[in-house]
Amino acid sequence: MKKQVKITQTKSAIGSNWRKKRTVEALGLSKLHHSVIHNDTPTIRGMIKAVRELVKVEEVELK
């Protein structure tokens, strides 16, 4: 079974530095409360860690 993560933007990136804004954009998030699902990879985990105060993460398992 492949693990995935559901990432939801909970806070605005306004006022954050440009790197955090670009990371949120690269994750595919565009608005508050918008969610995306990505494969659980070290790259995605690193991006999540960089913007951890702006997002909520839930682990999802595909069957």
PDB file of N, CA and C in Angstrom:
ATOM      1  N   MET A   1       0.836  -1.186   0.000  1.00  0.00           N
ATOM      2  CA  MET A   1       0.000   0.000   0.000  1.00  0.00           C
ATOM      3  C   MET A   1       0.879   1.247   0.000  1.00  0.00           C
ATOM      4  N   LYS A   2       0.498   2.180  -0.825  1.00  0.00           N
ATOM      5  CA  LYS A   2       1.284   3.389  -0.971  1.00  0.00           C
ATOM      6  C   LYS A   2       0.755   4.469  -0.035  1.00  0.00           C
ATOM      7  N   LYS A   3       1.651   5.071   0.727  1.00  0.00           N
ATOM      8  CA  LYS A   3       1.235   6.131   1.637  1.00  0.00           C
ATOM      9  C   LYS A   3       1.205   7.461   0.914  1.00  0.00           C
ATOM     10  N   GLN A   4       0.221   8.243   1.276  1.00  0.00           N
ATOM     11  CA  GLN A   4       0.087   9.587   0.735  1.00  0.00           C
ATOM     12  C   GLN A   4      -0.228  10.532   1.874  1.00  0.00           C
ATOM     13  N   VAL A   5      -0.044  11.824   1.626  1.00  0.00           N
ATOM     14  CA  VAL A   5      -0.360  12.835   2.623  1.00  0.00           C
ATOM     15  C   VAL A   5      -1.342  13.834   2.023  1.00  0.00           C
ATOM     16  N   LYS A   6      -2.300  14.242   2.835  1.00  0.00           N
ATOM     17  CA  LYS A   6      -3.258  15.274   2.446  1.00  0.00           C
ATOM     18  C   LYS A   6      -2.799  16.554   3.127  1.00  0.00           C
ATOM     19  N   ILE A   7      -2.525  17.569   2.335  1.00  0.00           N
ATOM     20  CA  ILE A   7      -2.012  18.835   2.840  1.00  0.00           C
ATOM     21  C   ILE A   7      -3.091  19.891   2.657  1.00  0.00           C
ATOM     22  N   THR A   8      -3.438  20.578   3.741  1.00  0.00           N
ATOM     23  CA  THR A   8      -4.462  21.613   3.707  1.00  0.00           C
ATOM     24  C   THR A   8      -3.859  22.927   4.177  1.00  0.00           C
ATOM     25  N   GLN A   9      -4.049  23.988   3.411  1.00  0.00           N
ATOM     26  CA  GLN A   9      -3.548  25.295   3.816  1.00  0.00           C
ATOM     27  C   GLN A   9      -4.481  25.869   4.871  1.00  0.00           C
ATOM     28  N   THR A  10      -3.936  26.186   6.044  1.00  0.00           N
ATOM     29  CA  THR A  10      -4.744  26.696   7.146  1.00  0.00           C
ATOM     30  C   THR A  10      -4.505  28.173   7.431  1.00  0.00           C
ATOM     31  N   LYS A  11      -3.378  28.704   6.982  1.00  0.00           N
ATOM     32  CA  LYS A  11      -3.070  30.119   7.192  1.00  0.00           C
ATOM     33  C   LYS A  11      -2.583  30.726   5.888  1.00  0.00           C
ATOM     34  N   SER A  12      -2.767  32.020   5.765  1.00  0.00           N
ATOM     35  CA  SER A  12      -2.364  32.729   4.564  1.00  0.00           C
ATOM     36  C   SER A  12      -0.848  32.892   4.503  1.00  0.00           C
ATOM     37  N   ALA A  13      -0.314  32.900   3.296  1.00  0.00           N
ATOM     38  CA  ALA A  13       1.121  33.115   3.099  1.00  0.00           C
ATOM     39  C   ALA A  13       1.458  34.600   2.993  1.00  0.00           C
ATOM     40  N   ILE A  14       0.436  35.456   3.065  1.00  0.00           N
ATOM     41  CA  ILE A  14       0.679  36.897   3.018  1.00  0.00           C
ATOM     42  C   ILE A  14       1.506  37.272   4.242  1.00  0.00           C
ATOM     43  N   GLY A  15       2.554  38.023   4.022  1.00  0.00           N
ATOM     44  CA  GLY A  15       3.431  38.421   5.119  1.00  0.00           C
ATOM     45  C   GLY A  15       4.593  37.464   5.327  1.00  0.00           C
ATOM     46  N   SER A  16       4.539  36.304   4.701  1.00  0.00           N
ATOM     47  CA  SER A  16       5.651  35.359   4.776  1.00  0.00           C
ATOM     48  C   SER A  16       6.703  35.765   3.753  1.00  0.00           C
ATOM     49  N   ASN A  17       7.922  35.235   3.934  1.00  0.00           N
ATOM     50  CA  ASN A  17       8.956  35.571   2.951  1.00  0.00           C
ATOM     51  C   ASN A  17       8.666  34.859   1.632  1.00  0.00           C
ATOM     52  N   TRP A  18       9.371  35.252   0.588  1.00  0.00           N
ATOM     53  CA  TRP A  18       9.080  34.743  -0.758  1.00  0.00           C
ATOM     54  C   TRP A  18       9.315  33.248  -0.878  1.00  0.00           C
ATOM     55  N   ARG A  19      10.231  32.684  -0.118  1.00  0.00           N
ATOM     56  CA  ARG A  19      10.485  31.242  -0.204  1.00  0.00           C
ATOM     57  C   ARG A  19       9.275  30.442   0.274  1.00  0.00           C
ATOM     58  N   LYS A  20       8.665  30.882   1.357  1.00  0.00           N
ATOM     59  CA  LYS A  20       7.484  30.181   1.873  1.00  0.00           C
ATOM     60  C   LYS A  20       6.313  30.323   0.909  1.00  0.00           C
ATOM     61  N   LYS A  21       6.150  31.492   0.335  1.00  0.00           N
ATOM     62  CA  LYS A  21       5.074  31.695  -0.643  1.00  0.00           C
ATOM     63  C   LYS A  21       5.258  30.770  -1.836  1.00  0.00           C
ATOM     64  N   ARG A  22       6.493  30.664  -2.324  1.00  0.00           N
ATOM     65  CA  ARG A  22       6.765  29.803  -3.475  1.00  0.00           C
ATOM     66  C   ARG A  22       6.616  28.328  -3.131  1.00  0.00           C
ATOM     67  N   THR A  23       6.960  27.945  -1.894  1.00  0.00           N
ATOM     68  CA  THR A  23       6.821  26.555  -1.475  1.00  0.00           C
ATOM     69  C   THR A  23       5.349  26.163  -1.400  1.00  0.00           C
ATOM     70  N   VAL A  24       4.521  27.037  -0.840  1.00  0.00           N
ATOM     71  CA  VAL A  24       3.077  26.774  -0.783  1.00  0.00           C
ATOM     72  C   VAL A  24       2.527  26.631  -2.196  1.00  0.00           C
ATOM     73  N   GLU A  25       2.966  27.493  -3.090  1.00  0.00           N
ATOM     74  CA  GLU A  25       2.535  27.438  -4.490  1.00  0.00           C
ATOM     75  C   GLU A  25       3.008  26.135  -5.156  1.00  0.00           C
ATOM     76  N   ALA A  26       4.245  25.726  -4.875  1.00  0.00           N
ATOM     77  CA  ALA A  26       4.801  24.502  -5.462  1.00  0.00           C
ATOM     78  C   ALA A  26       4.085  23.252  -4.956  1.00  0.00           C
ATOM     79  N   LEU A  27       3.541  23.310  -3.755  1.00  0.00           N
ATOM     80  CA  LEU A  27       2.759  22.185  -3.229  1.00  0.00           C
ATOM     81  C   LEU A  27       1.398  22.087  -3.909  1.00  0.00           C
ATOM     82  N   GLY A  28       1.012  23.135  -4.634  1.00  0.00           N
ATOM     83  CA  GLY A  28      -0.262  23.110  -5.355  1.00  0.00           C
ATOM     84  C   GLY A  28      -1.396  23.766  -4.589  1.00  0.00           C
ATOM     85  N   LEU A  29      -1.050  24.489  -3.536  1.00  0.00           N
ATOM     86  CA  LEU A  29      -2.072  25.154  -2.725  1.00  0.00           C
ATOM     87  C   LEU A  29      -2.260  26.583  -3.229  1.00  0.00           C
ATOM     88  N   SER A  30      -3.522  27.020  -3.297  1.00  0.00           N
ATOM     89  CA  SER A  30      -3.776  28.352  -3.835  1.00  0.00           C
ATOM     90  C   SER A  30      -4.649  29.213  -2.927  1.00  0.00           C
ATOM     91  N   LYS A  31      -5.480  28.598  -2.101  1.00  0.00           N
ATOM     92  CA  LYS A  31      -6.397  29.351  -1.242  1.00  0.00           C
ATOM     93  C   LYS A  31      -6.419  28.732   0.143  1.00  0.00           C
ATOM     94  N   LEU A  32      -6.971  29.449   1.095  1.00  0.00           N
ATOM     95  CA  LEU A  32      -7.161  28.887   2.429  1.00  0.00           C
ATOM     96  C   LEU A  32      -8.134  27.711   2.355  1.00  0.00           C
ATOM     97  N   HIS A  33      -7.880  26.716   3.140  1.00  0.00           N
ATOM     98  CA  HIS A  33      -8.699  25.511   3.250  1.00  0.00           C
ATOM     99  C   HIS A  33      -8.716  24.672   1.970  1.00  0.00           C
ATOM    100  N   HIS A  34      -7.785  24.944   1.062  1.00  0.00           N
ATOM    101  CA  HIS A  34      -7.632  24.138  -0.144  1.00  0.00           C
ATOM    102  C   HIS A  34      -6.739  22.952   0.206  1.00  0.00           C
ATOM    103  N   SER A  35      -7.092  21.769  -0.263  1.00  0.00           N
ATOM    104  CA  SER A  35      -6.340  20.556   0.046  1.00  0.00           C
ATOM    105  C   SER A  35      -5.810  19.898  -1.217  1.00  0.00           C
ATOM    106  N   VAL A  36      -4.651  19.289  -1.089  1.00  0.00           N
ATOM    107  CA  VAL A  36      -4.060  18.499  -2.163  1.00  0.00           C
ATOM    108  C   VAL A  36      -3.526  17.209  -1.563  1.00  0.00           C
ATOM    109  N   ILE A  37      -3.402  16.187  -2.399  1.00  0.00           N
ATOM    110  CA  ILE A  37      -2.854  14.910  -1.954  1.00  0.00           C
ATOM    111  C   ILE A  37      -1.589  14.638  -2.748  1.00  0.00           C
ATOM    112  N   HIS A  38      -0.505  14.329  -2.033  1.00  0.00           N
ATOM    113  CA  HIS A  38       0.785  14.023  -2.643  1.00  0.00           C
ATOM    114  C   HIS A  38       1.282  12.691  -2.100  1.00  0.00           C
ATOM    115  N   ASN A  39       2.153  12.025  -2.875  1.00  0.00           N
ATOM    116  CA  ASN A  39       2.823  10.836  -2.366  1.00  0.00           C
ATOM    117  C   ASN A  39       3.746  11.244  -1.224  1.00  0.00           C
ATOM    118  N   ASP A  40       3.887  10.379  -0.244  1.00  0.00           N
ATOM    119  CA  ASP A  40       4.717  10.666   0.923  1.00  0.00           C
ATOM    120  C   ASP A  40       6.177  10.387   0.576  1.00  0.00           C
ATOM    121  N   THR A  41       6.869  11.425   0.108  1.00  0.00           N
ATOM    122  CA  THR A  41       8.275  11.310  -0.263  1.00  0.00           C
ATOM    123  C   THR A  41       9.100  12.270   0.595  1.00  0.00           C
ATOM    124  N   PRO A  42      10.401  12.038   0.681  1.00  0.00           N
ATOM    125  CA  PRO A  42      11.255  12.959   1.449  1.00  0.00           C
ATOM    126  C   PRO A  42      11.205  14.394   0.919  1.00  0.00           C
ATOM    127  N   THR A  43      11.044  14.565  -0.379  1.00  0.00           N
ATOM    128  CA  THR A  43      10.968  15.905  -0.962  1.00  0.00           C
ATOM    129  C   THR A  43       9.730  16.641  -0.466  1.00  0.00           C
ATOM    130  N   ILE A  44       8.594  15.977  -0.522  1.00  0.00           N
ATOM    131  CA  ILE A  44       7.341  16.583  -0.066  1.00  0.00           C
ATOM    132  C   ILE A  44       7.403  16.852   1.437  1.00  0.00           C
ATOM    133  N   ARG A  45       7.952  15.917   2.204  1.00  0.00           N
ATOM    134  CA  ARG A  45       8.091  16.114   3.653  1.00  0.00           C
ATOM    135  C   ARG A  45       8.950  17.338   3.970  1.00  0.00           C
ATOM    136  N   GLY A  46      10.011  17.554   3.182  1.00  0.00           N
ATOM    137  CA  GLY A  46      10.863  18.728   3.377  1.00  0.00           C
ATOM    138  C   GLY A  46      10.119  20.016   3.086  1.00  0.00           C
ATOM    139  N   MET A  47       9.293  19.998   2.043  1.00  0.00           N
ATOM    140  CA  MET A  47       8.499  21.174   1.706  1.00  0.00           C
ATOM    141  C   MET A  47       7.479  21.461   2.807  1.00  0.00           C
ATOM    142  N   ILE A  48       6.872  20.399   3.331  1.00  0.00           N
ATOM    143  CA  ILE A  48       5.905  20.563   4.421  1.00  0.00           C
ATOM    144  C   ILE A  48       6.586  21.159   5.646  1.00  0.00           C
ATOM    145  N   LYS A  49       7.784  20.672   5.945  1.00  0.00           N
ATOM    146  CA  LYS A  49       8.520  21.168   7.113  1.00  0.00           C
ATOM    147  C   LYS A  49       8.837  22.655   6.968  1.00  0.00           C
ATOM    148  N   ALA A  50       9.113  23.096   5.740  1.00  0.00           N
ATOM    149  CA  ALA A  50       9.451  24.496   5.495  1.00  0.00           C
ATOM    150  C   ALA A  50       8.271  25.435   5.747  1.00  0.00           C
ATOM    151  N   VAL A  51       7.039  24.930   5.568  1.00  0.00           N
ATOM    152  CA  VAL A  51       5.851  25.785   5.728  1.00  0.00           C
ATOM    153  C   VAL A  51       4.905  25.206   6.778  1.00  0.00           C
ATOM    154  N   ARG A  52       5.434  24.503   7.758  1.00  0.00           N
ATOM    155  CA  ARG A  52       4.604  23.780   8.728  1.00  0.00           C
ATOM    156  C   ARG A  52       3.625  24.658   9.498  1.00  0.00           C
ATOM    157  N   GLU A  53       3.923  25.959   9.642  1.00  0.00           N
ATOM    158  CA  GLU A  53       2.998  26.831  10.368  1.00  0.00           C
ATOM    159  C   GLU A  53       1.826  27.285   9.502  1.00  0.00           C
ATOM    160  N   LEU A  54       1.874  27.014   8.202  1.00  0.00           N
ATOM    161  CA  LEU A  54       0.816  27.440   7.292  1.00  0.00           C
ATOM    162  C   LEU A  54      -0.098  26.308   6.849  1.00  0.00           C
ATOM    163  N   VAL A  55       0.291  25.052   7.128  1.00  0.00           N
ATOM    164  CA  VAL A  55      -0.461  23.913   6.615  1.00  0.00           C
ATOM    165  C   VAL A  55      -0.781  22.898   7.709  1.00  0.00           C
ATOM    166  N   LYS A  56      -1.773  22.054   7.408  1.00  0.00           N
ATOM    167  CA  LYS A  56      -2.128  20.919   8.263  1.00  0.00           C
ATOM    168  C   LYS A  56      -1.930  19.669   7.413  1.00  0.00           C
ATOM    169  N   VAL A  57      -1.351  18.625   8.007  1.00  0.00           N
ATOM    170  CA  VAL A  57      -1.022  17.418   7.258  1.00  0.00           C
ATOM    171  C   VAL A  57      -1.730  16.220   7.870  1.00  0.00           C
ATOM    172  N   GLU A  58      -2.340  15.410   7.015  1.00  0.00           N
ATOM    173  CA  GLU A  58      -2.973  14.154   7.441  1.00  0.00           C
ATOM    174  C   GLU A  58      -2.426  13.049   6.563  1.00  0.00           C
ATOM    175  N   GLU A  59      -2.162  11.898   7.164  1.00  0.00           N
ATOM    176  CA  GLU A  59      -1.693  10.768   6.376  1.00  0.00           C
ATOM    177  C   GLU A  59      -2.893  10.010   5.827  1.00  0.00           C
ATOM    178  N   VAL A  60      -2.801   9.650   4.549  1.00  0.00           N
ATOM    179  CA  VAL A  60      -3.867   8.942   3.839  1.00  0.00           C
ATOM    180  C   VAL A  60      -3.245   7.665   3.278  1.00  0.00           C
ATOM    181  N   GLU A  61      -3.986   6.582   3.325  1.00  0.00           N
ATOM    182  CA  GLU A  61      -3.472   5.348   2.776  1.00  0.00           C
ATOM    183  C   GLU A  61      -4.378   4.867   1.661  1.00  0.00           C
ATOM    184  N   LEU A  62      -3.796   4.655   0.490  1.00  0.00           N
ATOM    185  CA  LEU A  62      -4.558   4.147  -0.651  1.00  0.00           C
ATOM    186  C   LEU A  62      -4.703   2.653  -0.557  1.00  0.00           C
ATOM    187  N   LYS A  63      -5.822   2.153  -1.007  1.00  0.00           N
ATOM    188  CA  LYS A  63      -6.044   0.708  -0.974  1.00  0.00           C
ATOM    189  C   LYS A  63      -6.021   0.146  -2.359  1.00  0.00           C
TER     190      LYS A  63
END
